[in-house]
Amino acid sequence: MRSPRTGTLWARCSFNPVDADQRPTGKPQWRLMHPYRQMMTMQAMRCQVCAGRARTPLGFIFLAGPGAVNTKHVPVLTNQPPVCARHVRAAVRLCPHLDGRPMVFLAQSAPLYGVHGVIYGYGDEGVHVVDQPDAPLPYGHPNLSTFLASQLVRRLGSFRVVNLDELLRALSAAA
């Protein structure tokens, strides 16, 4: 599937069966989020747990593992969709990567930045992987036309880092 917005080609994966309420079944693999779900929740800024509205009175809540992000390196990029106020506790409790003590980013803005994935090329052997960059390719990069994306990346803007207790107190006061 090619994104109509950016022209990026997206990796396709099968979906798990859904239950009677049309929700996916199976155990979440938190860091290995389904590429389509990751793209859709990031594109629409929806909660990665429930796919509901993620904006809170405090802004958007993004979580990262303890020490996973160096906030001194600008820009701060994330491939993890935001979480809504209702699912912060569940995400922290259930995601092993967060280790119960996440870095919490309260962002007022998080513009689209680019994509993670693989660059393909064509040679004597046909189509083959040319590069698997560690860093995301920003939109506008010349290699995007031969790139197979698997994760959408946003740049956190106007953010502050708070601890989980501060976040929960602030959310409670804002409710």
Foldseek 3Di string as FASTA:
>chain_A
DADPVQRFAADDDDFADADPVRHHDDDDPQVQDFLVLLCLCQVVLAASPPRHHQQAPQAFKDWFAVPPWDVVDPFTKDQHRTHHPVCPVVCLVPHVRNVNKIWIKHFNDWAWFAFAFFFWDQDPVGIDTDDRDPDGDGRVDPRRNRTHGRTTMTTGDPIDIDTPVVVNVVRVVRD
